[in-house]
N, C-alpha and C. Protein backbone atom coordinates (compact mmCIF):
# COMPACT_ATOMS: atom_id res chain seq x y z
N MET A 1 46.94 96.47 95.69
CA MET A 1 48.13 97.22 95.46
C MET A 1 48.51 97.12 93.94
N ASN A 2 48.69 98.33 93.28
CA ASN A 2 48.98 98.30 91.92
C ASN A 2 50.46 97.80 91.71
N ARG A 3 50.84 97.45 90.49
CA ARG A 3 52.10 96.87 90.19
C ARG A 3 53.21 97.94 90.46
N SER A 4 53.04 99.15 90.04
CA SER A 4 53.98 100.22 90.22
C SER A 4 54.31 100.53 91.70
N ARG A 5 53.23 100.55 92.47
CA ARG A 5 53.39 100.76 93.96
C ARG A 5 54.17 99.56 94.52
N PHE A 6 53.85 98.42 94.09
CA PHE A 6 54.54 97.27 94.71
C PHE A 6 55.95 97.26 94.30
N LEU A 7 56.36 97.57 93.06
CA LEU A 7 57.77 97.63 92.69
C LEU A 7 58.56 98.71 93.51
N ARG A 8 57.93 99.83 93.65
CA ARG A 8 58.61 100.95 94.42
C ARG A 8 58.83 100.38 95.92
N LEU A 9 57.84 99.80 96.43
CA LEU A 9 57.89 99.30 97.85
C LEU A 9 58.96 98.17 97.92
N ALA A 10 59.05 97.28 96.91
CA ALA A 10 60.03 96.22 96.94
C ALA A 10 61.50 96.87 96.77
N ALA A 11 61.63 97.81 95.92
CA ALA A 11 62.86 98.48 95.75
C ALA A 11 63.32 99.08 97.06
N LEU A 12 62.45 99.78 97.81
CA LEU A 12 62.80 100.42 98.94
C LEU A 12 63.18 99.41 100.08
N LEU A 13 62.36 98.28 100.16
CA LEU A 13 62.72 97.30 101.18
C LEU A 13 64.07 96.70 100.79
N SER A 14 64.32 96.46 99.51
CA SER A 14 65.59 95.80 99.12
C SER A 14 66.71 96.78 99.51
N ALA A 15 66.62 98.02 99.25
CA ALA A 15 67.67 98.99 99.56
C ALA A 15 67.92 99.13 101.14
N LEU A 16 66.81 99.02 101.83
CA LEU A 16 67.03 99.05 103.29
C LEU A 16 67.61 97.76 103.87
N LEU A 17 67.30 96.60 103.26
CA LEU A 17 67.88 95.36 103.83
C LEU A 17 69.30 94.99 103.21
N ILE A 18 69.47 95.34 101.91
CA ILE A 18 70.79 94.97 101.30
C ILE A 18 71.89 96.01 101.55
N ALA A 19 71.58 97.25 101.62
CA ALA A 19 72.60 98.30 101.67
C ALA A 19 73.44 98.08 102.89
N PRO A 20 72.98 97.72 104.06
CA PRO A 20 73.87 97.54 105.28
C PRO A 20 74.93 96.45 104.94
N LEU A 21 74.59 95.42 104.11
CA LEU A 21 75.51 94.38 103.85
C LEU A 21 76.81 94.90 103.20
N PHE A 22 76.55 96.00 102.36
CA PHE A 22 77.83 96.61 101.62
C PHE A 22 78.28 97.81 102.19
N ALA A 23 77.77 98.25 103.31
CA ALA A 23 78.27 99.51 104.01
C ALA A 23 79.58 99.15 104.56
N LYS A 24 80.42 100.24 104.42
CA LYS A 24 81.80 100.11 104.99
C LYS A 24 81.83 100.68 106.35
N ASP A 25 82.58 99.91 107.27
CA ASP A 25 82.79 100.45 108.57
C ASP A 25 83.67 101.62 108.53
N ASP A 26 83.29 102.88 108.92
CA ASP A 26 84.08 104.09 108.83
C ASP A 26 84.82 104.20 110.10
N LYS A 27 84.54 103.42 111.17
CA LYS A 27 85.23 103.72 112.39
C LYS A 27 86.80 103.58 112.31
N ALA A 28 87.23 102.59 111.60
CA ALA A 28 88.69 102.45 111.40
C ALA A 28 89.37 103.55 110.71
N ASP A 29 88.64 104.10 109.61
CA ASP A 29 89.19 105.34 108.99
C ASP A 29 89.20 106.47 109.88
N ILE A 30 88.04 106.70 110.55
CA ILE A 30 88.10 107.86 111.49
C ILE A 30 89.21 107.71 112.53
N SER A 31 89.36 106.56 113.16
CA SER A 31 90.39 106.31 114.15
C SER A 31 91.76 106.62 113.53
N ALA A 32 92.00 106.17 112.30
CA ALA A 32 93.22 106.41 111.67
C ALA A 32 93.50 107.92 111.48
N VAL A 33 92.46 108.61 111.07
CA VAL A 33 92.64 110.05 110.92
C VAL A 33 92.81 110.71 112.20
N ILE A 34 92.14 110.41 113.31
CA ILE A 34 92.42 111.05 114.51
C ILE A 34 93.84 110.73 115.02
N ALA A 35 94.31 109.54 114.63
CA ALA A 35 95.78 109.22 114.97
C ALA A 35 96.73 110.14 114.20
N ALA A 36 96.39 110.39 112.97
CA ALA A 36 97.14 111.28 112.11
C ALA A 36 97.15 112.68 112.66
N GLU A 37 95.89 113.10 113.14
CA GLU A 37 95.78 114.41 113.71
C GLU A 37 96.73 114.55 115.00
N LYS A 38 96.64 113.46 115.87
CA LYS A 38 97.49 113.44 117.02
C LYS A 38 99.02 113.49 116.54
N ALA A 39 99.39 112.84 115.54
CA ALA A 39 100.73 112.79 115.04
C ALA A 39 101.20 114.20 114.67
N ARG A 40 100.22 114.95 114.00
CA ARG A 40 100.42 116.24 113.62
C ARG A 40 100.75 117.16 114.81
N GLY A 41 99.97 117.03 115.86
CA GLY A 41 100.31 117.73 117.08
C GLY A 41 101.59 117.50 117.62
N VAL A 42 101.98 116.25 117.68
CA VAL A 42 103.42 115.91 118.02
C VAL A 42 104.42 116.49 117.15
N ALA A 43 104.27 116.49 115.97
CA ALA A 43 105.11 117.22 114.95
C ALA A 43 105.17 118.67 115.17
N ILE A 44 104.12 119.22 115.52
CA ILE A 44 104.02 120.73 115.68
C ILE A 44 104.85 121.09 116.99
N LEU A 45 104.61 120.28 118.00
CA LEU A 45 105.34 120.57 119.24
C LEU A 45 106.88 120.35 119.11
N SER A 46 107.22 119.43 118.32
CA SER A 46 108.71 119.28 118.11
C SER A 46 109.26 119.84 116.97
N ALA A 47 108.43 120.71 116.21
CA ALA A 47 108.91 121.48 115.00
C ALA A 47 109.48 120.44 114.00
N ASP A 48 108.87 119.29 113.91
CA ASP A 48 109.40 118.24 113.01
C ASP A 48 108.87 118.47 111.55
N LEU A 49 109.69 119.14 110.81
CA LEU A 49 109.23 119.58 109.45
C LEU A 49 109.01 118.41 108.55
N LYS A 50 109.88 117.37 108.63
CA LYS A 50 109.79 116.22 107.91
C LYS A 50 108.42 115.47 108.06
N ALA A 51 108.00 115.34 109.39
CA ALA A 51 106.69 114.80 109.71
C ALA A 51 105.53 115.61 109.16
N LEU A 52 105.59 116.98 109.39
CA LEU A 52 104.53 117.84 108.92
C LEU A 52 104.41 117.72 107.44
N ASP A 53 105.62 117.66 106.66
CA ASP A 53 105.57 117.54 105.20
C ASP A 53 104.78 116.24 104.82
N ALA A 54 105.08 115.13 105.58
CA ALA A 54 104.51 113.86 105.24
C ALA A 54 102.98 113.90 105.56
N LEU A 55 102.57 114.65 106.58
CA LEU A 55 101.14 114.59 107.07
C LEU A 55 100.28 115.61 106.22
N MET A 56 100.86 116.53 105.58
CA MET A 56 100.02 117.56 104.91
C MET A 56 100.07 117.20 103.45
N ALA A 57 98.89 117.29 102.86
CA ALA A 57 98.75 117.16 101.43
C ALA A 57 99.53 118.34 100.66
N ASP A 58 100.04 118.02 99.46
CA ASP A 58 100.78 119.13 98.77
C ASP A 58 99.94 120.32 98.48
N ASP A 59 98.61 120.15 98.40
CA ASP A 59 97.66 121.32 98.07
C ASP A 59 96.96 121.81 99.26
N CYS A 60 97.51 121.41 100.46
CA CYS A 60 96.82 121.88 101.71
C CYS A 60 96.68 123.35 101.75
N ARG A 61 95.57 123.82 102.40
CA ARG A 61 95.30 125.18 102.69
C ARG A 61 94.87 125.29 104.11
N TYR A 62 95.51 126.18 104.87
CA TYR A 62 95.22 126.43 106.19
C TYR A 62 94.76 127.78 106.42
N THR A 63 93.42 127.93 106.85
CA THR A 63 92.91 129.24 107.08
C THR A 63 92.84 129.45 108.60
N HIS A 64 93.69 130.40 109.06
CA HIS A 64 93.77 130.65 110.46
C HIS A 64 92.64 131.43 111.00
N SER A 65 92.46 131.42 112.26
CA SER A 65 91.30 132.11 112.94
C SER A 65 91.41 133.70 112.64
N SER A 66 92.58 134.23 112.25
CA SER A 66 92.67 135.54 111.84
C SER A 66 92.19 135.81 110.41
N GLY A 67 92.04 134.70 109.70
CA GLY A 67 91.58 134.91 108.28
C GLY A 67 92.81 134.74 107.29
N LYS A 68 94.00 134.70 107.90
CA LYS A 68 95.25 134.54 107.00
C LYS A 68 95.13 133.02 106.44
N VAL A 69 95.47 132.93 105.14
CA VAL A 69 95.45 131.64 104.44
C VAL A 69 96.92 131.32 104.17
N GLU A 70 97.30 130.09 104.45
CA GLU A 70 98.64 129.58 104.15
C GLU A 70 98.63 128.33 103.25
N SER A 71 99.56 128.17 102.43
CA SER A 71 99.73 126.98 101.71
C SER A 71 100.58 125.99 102.57
N LYS A 72 100.85 124.82 102.17
CA LYS A 72 101.56 123.89 102.94
C LYS A 72 103.09 124.48 103.16
N LYS A 73 103.64 124.99 102.07
CA LYS A 73 105.06 125.57 102.06
C LYS A 73 104.90 126.77 103.09
N ASP A 74 103.97 127.67 103.01
CA ASP A 74 103.85 128.83 103.84
C ASP A 74 103.82 128.36 105.32
N HIS A 75 103.15 127.41 105.61
CA HIS A 75 102.92 126.84 107.00
C HIS A 75 104.26 126.26 107.46
N ILE A 76 104.83 125.42 106.72
CA ILE A 76 106.09 124.83 107.19
C ILE A 76 107.17 125.94 107.29
N ASP A 77 107.16 126.93 106.42
CA ASP A 77 108.15 128.03 106.55
C ASP A 77 108.06 128.80 107.87
N THR A 78 106.89 128.86 108.42
CA THR A 78 106.75 129.51 109.70
C THR A 78 107.57 128.90 110.77
N PHE A 79 107.72 127.53 110.76
CA PHE A 79 108.69 126.88 111.64
C PHE A 79 110.09 127.07 111.28
N VAL A 80 110.50 127.17 110.04
CA VAL A 80 111.72 127.43 109.58
C VAL A 80 112.11 128.81 110.05
N ASN A 81 111.06 129.76 110.17
CA ASN A 81 111.40 131.13 110.57
C ASN A 81 111.24 131.28 112.09
N GLY A 82 111.11 130.15 112.83
CA GLY A 82 111.18 130.37 114.32
C GLY A 82 109.97 130.18 115.05
N LEU A 83 108.84 129.96 114.42
CA LEU A 83 107.58 129.54 115.23
C LEU A 83 107.78 128.28 116.05
N ARG A 84 107.44 128.34 117.31
CA ARG A 84 107.45 127.18 118.18
C ARG A 84 106.20 127.10 119.03
N TYR A 85 105.86 125.94 119.35
CA TYR A 85 104.61 125.68 120.18
C TYR A 85 105.21 125.09 121.45
N GLU A 86 104.69 125.63 122.58
CA GLU A 86 104.84 125.01 123.87
C GLU A 86 103.76 124.06 124.37
N ARG A 87 102.57 124.33 123.71
CA ARG A 87 101.48 123.53 124.08
C ARG A 87 100.57 123.41 122.82
N PHE A 88 100.08 122.23 122.53
CA PHE A 88 99.20 121.86 121.49
C PHE A 88 98.36 120.74 121.96
N ILE A 89 97.18 120.95 122.38
CA ILE A 89 96.34 119.90 122.90
C ILE A 89 94.92 120.00 122.17
N THR A 90 94.63 118.85 121.52
CA THR A 90 93.36 118.69 120.89
C THR A 90 92.33 117.97 121.82
N SER A 91 91.09 118.41 121.74
CA SER A 91 90.07 117.66 122.55
C SER A 91 88.73 117.74 121.76
N GLY A 92 87.89 116.93 122.36
CA GLY A 92 86.42 116.94 121.75
C GLY A 92 86.45 116.59 120.29
N ILE A 93 87.38 115.77 119.75
CA ILE A 93 87.44 115.55 118.40
C ILE A 93 86.23 114.52 117.91
N HIS A 94 85.65 114.95 116.89
CA HIS A 94 84.62 114.15 116.28
C HIS A 94 84.91 114.05 114.90
N GLY A 95 84.86 112.80 114.36
CA GLY A 95 85.13 112.53 112.94
C GLY A 95 83.92 112.08 112.18
N HIS A 96 83.91 112.45 110.87
CA HIS A 96 82.80 112.20 110.03
C HIS A 96 83.32 111.67 108.72
N SER A 97 83.03 110.53 108.29
CA SER A 97 83.49 110.10 106.97
C SER A 97 82.57 110.53 105.87
N VAL A 98 83.02 111.45 105.02
CA VAL A 98 82.26 111.94 103.96
C VAL A 98 82.11 111.04 102.71
N THR A 99 83.33 110.40 102.42
CA THR A 99 83.42 109.48 101.39
C THR A 99 84.46 108.49 101.82
N PRO A 100 84.60 107.38 101.20
CA PRO A 100 85.64 106.43 101.63
C PRO A 100 87.14 106.96 101.71
N ASP A 101 87.26 108.14 100.96
CA ASP A 101 88.63 108.68 101.02
C ASP A 101 88.71 110.14 101.61
N VAL A 102 87.62 110.54 102.25
CA VAL A 102 87.61 111.91 102.91
C VAL A 102 86.98 111.82 104.18
N VAL A 103 87.66 112.25 105.20
CA VAL A 103 87.19 112.34 106.63
C VAL A 103 87.43 113.70 107.10
N VAL A 104 86.29 114.29 107.75
CA VAL A 104 86.39 115.57 108.31
C VAL A 104 86.38 115.35 109.80
N LEU A 105 87.27 116.19 110.48
CA LEU A 105 87.29 116.25 111.88
C LEU A 105 86.92 117.67 112.45
N ASN A 106 86.31 117.71 113.58
CA ASN A 106 85.98 118.85 114.30
C ASN A 106 86.44 118.72 115.72
N GLY A 107 86.82 119.80 116.31
CA GLY A 107 87.24 119.72 117.64
C GLY A 107 87.79 121.03 118.24
N ARG A 108 88.54 120.92 119.27
CA ARG A 108 89.14 122.08 119.90
C ARG A 108 90.64 122.03 119.95
N ILE A 109 91.33 123.12 119.96
CA ILE A 109 92.80 123.12 120.20
C ILE A 109 92.97 124.22 121.30
N ASP A 110 93.81 123.75 122.28
CA ASP A 110 94.34 124.62 123.29
C ASP A 110 95.90 124.64 123.02
N GLN A 111 96.34 125.91 122.64
CA GLN A 111 97.78 126.03 122.21
C GLN A 111 98.41 127.25 122.89
N ARG A 112 99.70 127.21 122.92
CA ARG A 112 100.58 128.27 123.32
C ARG A 112 101.73 128.18 122.23
N LYS A 113 101.78 129.29 121.44
CA LYS A 113 102.73 129.37 120.40
C LYS A 113 103.38 130.77 120.23
N GLY A 114 104.45 130.90 119.64
CA GLY A 114 105.21 132.17 119.49
C GLY A 114 106.47 132.04 118.74
N VAL A 115 107.10 133.21 118.62
CA VAL A 115 108.53 133.35 118.05
C VAL A 115 109.31 134.13 119.05
N ASP A 116 110.52 133.55 119.17
CA ASP A 116 111.55 134.28 120.07
C ASP A 116 110.99 134.43 121.43
N GLY A 117 110.28 133.43 121.96
CA GLY A 117 109.83 133.47 123.38
C GLY A 117 108.65 134.34 123.64
N LYS A 118 108.09 135.06 122.60
CA LYS A 118 106.88 135.87 122.72
C LYS A 118 105.74 134.99 122.50
N MET A 119 105.16 134.43 123.49
CA MET A 119 104.17 133.32 123.34
C MET A 119 102.80 133.94 123.57
N THR A 120 101.81 133.26 122.84
CA THR A 120 100.33 133.62 122.90
C THR A 120 99.56 132.45 123.16
N ASP A 121 98.70 132.51 123.99
CA ASP A 121 97.75 131.34 124.29
C ASP A 121 96.33 131.52 123.47
N LEU A 122 96.00 130.48 122.85
CA LEU A 122 94.77 130.54 122.02
C LEU A 122 93.92 129.26 122.23
N ASN A 123 92.63 129.51 122.45
CA ASN A 123 91.72 128.35 122.48
C ASN A 123 90.78 128.41 121.24
N LEU A 124 90.90 127.42 120.45
CA LEU A 124 90.38 127.42 119.15
C LEU A 124 89.40 126.24 118.90
N PHE A 125 88.43 126.47 117.97
CA PHE A 125 87.77 125.41 117.34
C PHE A 125 88.46 125.14 116.02
N PHE A 126 88.42 123.94 115.61
CA PHE A 126 89.03 123.63 114.26
C PHE A 126 88.15 122.64 113.47
N GLN A 127 88.28 122.67 112.15
CA GLN A 127 87.70 121.75 111.24
C GLN A 127 88.78 121.39 110.21
N SER A 128 89.02 120.09 110.14
CA SER A 128 90.08 119.67 109.19
C SER A 128 89.51 118.63 108.25
N VAL A 129 90.04 118.71 107.02
CA VAL A 129 89.68 117.66 106.05
C VAL A 129 90.81 116.83 105.71
N TRP A 130 90.75 115.53 105.91
CA TRP A 130 91.82 114.61 105.66
C TRP A 130 91.42 113.80 104.40
N ARG A 131 92.36 113.51 103.49
CA ARG A 131 92.20 112.81 102.25
C ARG A 131 93.03 111.61 102.20
N ARG A 132 92.52 110.48 101.93
CA ARG A 132 93.34 109.26 101.66
C ARG A 132 94.12 109.34 100.33
N GLU A 133 95.39 109.29 100.55
CA GLU A 133 96.31 109.32 99.34
C GLU A 133 97.14 107.99 99.33
N ALA A 134 97.95 107.80 98.34
CA ALA A 134 98.68 106.60 98.24
C ALA A 134 99.61 106.41 99.47
N THR A 135 100.09 107.42 100.02
CA THR A 135 100.99 107.33 101.19
C THR A 135 100.24 107.29 102.52
N GLY A 136 98.96 107.43 102.56
CA GLY A 136 98.15 107.36 103.76
C GLY A 136 97.27 108.55 103.83
N TRP A 137 96.72 108.91 105.02
CA TRP A 137 95.86 109.92 105.26
C TRP A 137 96.74 111.22 105.37
N ARG A 138 96.26 112.24 104.57
CA ARG A 138 96.96 113.55 104.61
C ARG A 138 96.03 114.74 104.75
N LEU A 139 96.44 115.72 105.41
CA LEU A 139 95.69 116.92 105.71
C LEU A 139 95.49 117.76 104.42
N ALA A 140 94.27 117.87 103.99
CA ALA A 140 94.06 118.67 102.81
C ALA A 140 93.51 120.09 103.05
N SER A 141 92.86 120.35 104.21
CA SER A 141 92.36 121.62 104.56
C SER A 141 92.19 121.75 106.02
N LEU A 142 92.50 122.82 106.62
CA LEU A 142 92.37 123.16 108.07
C LEU A 142 91.81 124.60 108.23
N GLN A 143 90.89 124.70 109.11
CA GLN A 143 90.38 126.13 109.47
C GLN A 143 90.21 126.11 110.88
N THR A 144 90.65 127.17 111.55
CA THR A 144 90.52 127.37 112.89
C THR A 144 89.65 128.68 113.14
N ALA A 145 88.97 128.63 114.34
CA ALA A 145 88.22 129.86 114.72
C ALA A 145 88.32 130.07 116.17
N LEU A 146 88.41 131.27 116.63
CA LEU A 146 88.50 131.61 118.04
C LEU A 146 87.28 131.13 118.75
N ALA A 147 87.41 130.56 119.95
CA ALA A 147 86.31 130.30 120.79
C ALA A 147 85.65 131.52 121.31
N PRO A 148 84.35 131.65 121.35
CA PRO A 148 83.74 132.91 121.79
C PRO A 148 84.04 133.03 123.29
N ALA A 149 84.15 134.32 123.66
CA ALA A 149 84.47 134.75 125.07
C ALA A 149 83.28 134.30 125.91
N PRO A 150 83.46 133.85 127.15
CA PRO A 150 82.43 133.41 127.99
C PRO A 150 81.55 134.72 128.21
N THR A 151 80.20 134.43 128.30
CA THR A 151 79.23 135.55 128.53
C THR A 151 78.95 135.63 130.06
N ALA A 152 78.75 136.75 130.49
CA ALA A 152 78.48 137.02 131.97
C ALA A 152 77.07 136.58 132.24
N LYS A 153 76.85 135.95 133.39
CA LYS A 153 75.52 135.51 133.76
C LYS A 153 74.70 136.74 134.16
N LYS A 154 73.44 136.69 133.81
CA LYS A 154 72.52 137.81 134.22
C LYS A 154 71.97 137.45 135.49
N SER A 155 71.86 138.53 136.39
CA SER A 155 71.42 138.35 137.72
C SER A 155 69.87 138.42 137.78
């Protein structure tokens, strides 16, 4: 084995054996972000604007399943203007740590919301990006998509 090949092999083995010693356990961060997402659901159900303000990053952008994009202020203002939720249930949540300070969640939302009692039921997929800030994990971006309609079985 020539020297160059030996050095490459030694570097590869070192990386494989040493890297796990310095790897960060992302499970705690993902659990904390899922807890923050659950807290957001509670805040939405109770129209707790103070809690929503604390959970959302100042530069947060929310892209609705309709394509409408809201800033943090826009989103909170919908509650000020009468939006209320009767149901907000998240499920199938999967977290992925992108960096030590960014976690992405994917899952589903089953919700019932409306203004002045005119309620709409929606089943959505969501992807949210949470960023660690000095005050804790905050929602930086949220996008929802309508779940596809069930297809009829072929006979």
